[in-house]
Amino acid sequence: MVYIEPSIFFSRSILISRTLNAIFYAKLSIVRSYLKKLAATQLKMNDYGCKWQSRSCTLSKLGFKTL
């Protein structure tokens, strides 16, 4: 069995958890900004003549490419 010094192992796990937290919050902020754009677009929908149910139309107005 290999002896791992506890302090090194502990600091590494803290580093990993902080990295995962940073990634999670980055994704969260991307989703938040997307939802804000979506809400703003919903108000403009009538100007474009789009139906709100039309997802591809909504996404194209937001500047996303649809498949």
Protein backbone atom coordinates (compact mmCIF):
# COMPACT_ATOMS: atom_id res chain seq x y z
CA MET A 1 0.00 0.00 0.00
CA VAL A 2 1.30 3.41 -0.92
CA TYR A 3 1.26 5.97 1.84
CA ILE A 4 -0.24 9.27 0.72
CA GLU A 5 0.48 12.26 2.87
CA PRO A 6 -2.93 13.44 4.16
CA SER A 7 -2.31 17.15 3.60
CA ILE A 8 -1.46 16.64 -0.08
CA PHE A 9 -4.49 14.45 -0.65
CA PHE A 10 -6.76 16.87 1.21
CA SER A 11 -5.55 19.92 -0.71
CA ARG A 12 -5.97 18.05 -4.00
CA SER A 13 -9.57 17.14 -3.18
CA ILE A 14 -10.31 20.75 -2.25
CA LEU A 15 -8.80 21.88 -5.56
CA ILE A 16 -10.92 19.37 -7.49
CA SER A 17 -14.11 20.38 -5.70
CA ARG A 18 -13.41 24.08 -6.31
CA THR A 19 -12.79 23.39 -9.99
CA LEU A 20 -16.06 21.48 -10.26
CA ASN A 21 -17.87 24.31 -8.48
CA ALA A 22 -16.41 26.85 -10.90
CA ILE A 23 -17.52 24.76 -13.88
CA PHE A 24 -21.00 24.35 -12.39
CA TYR A 25 -21.44 28.08 -11.76
CA ALA A 26 -20.12 28.93 -15.23
CA LYS A 27 -22.74 26.63 -16.77
CA LEU A 28 -25.37 28.14 -14.49
CA SER A 29 -24.54 31.67 -15.62
CA ILE A 30 -24.70 30.59 -19.28
CA VAL A 31 -28.15 29.10 -18.70
CA ARG A 32 -29.26 32.24 -16.86
CA SER A 33 -28.15 34.53 -19.67
CA TYR A 34 -29.92 32.25 -22.18
CA LEU A 35 -33.14 32.41 -20.17
CA LYS A 36 -32.90 36.20 -19.96
CA LYS A 37 -32.49 36.38 -23.74
CA LEU A 38 -35.43 34.03 -24.13
CA ALA A 39 -37.61 36.19 -21.88
CA ALA A 40 -36.62 39.34 -23.78
CA THR A 41 -37.36 37.58 -27.06
CA GLN A 42 -40.78 36.51 -25.86
CA LEU A 43 -41.72 40.17 -25.56
CA LYS A 44 -40.49 40.86 -29.11
CA MET A 45 -42.16 37.82 -30.64
CA ASN A 46 -45.15 39.72 -32.00
CA ASP A 47 -42.81 42.06 -33.90
CA TYR A 48 -41.27 39.11 -35.71
CA GLY A 49 -44.60 37.48 -36.40
CA CYS A 50 -43.43 34.28 -34.73
CA LYS A 51 -45.55 31.94 -32.73
CA TRP A 52 -44.11 31.52 -29.23
CA GLN A 53 -44.49 27.75 -29.52
CA SER A 54 -42.13 27.67 -32.52
CA ARG A 55 -38.83 26.74 -30.89
CA SER A 56 -36.68 26.91 -34.01
CA CYS A 57 -38.03 30.36 -34.82
CA THR A 58 -37.32 31.53 -31.27
CA LEU A 59 -33.78 30.18 -31.33
CA SER A 60 -33.05 31.68 -34.73
CA LYS A 61 -34.16 35.10 -33.49
CA LEU A 62 -31.76 34.68 -30.56
CA GLY A 63 -28.94 34.02 -32.99
CA PHE A 64 -28.64 30.28 -32.40
CA LYS A 65 -28.25 27.98 -35.38
CA THR A 66 -30.87 25.25 -35.49
CA LEU A 67 -30.39 21.84 -37.05
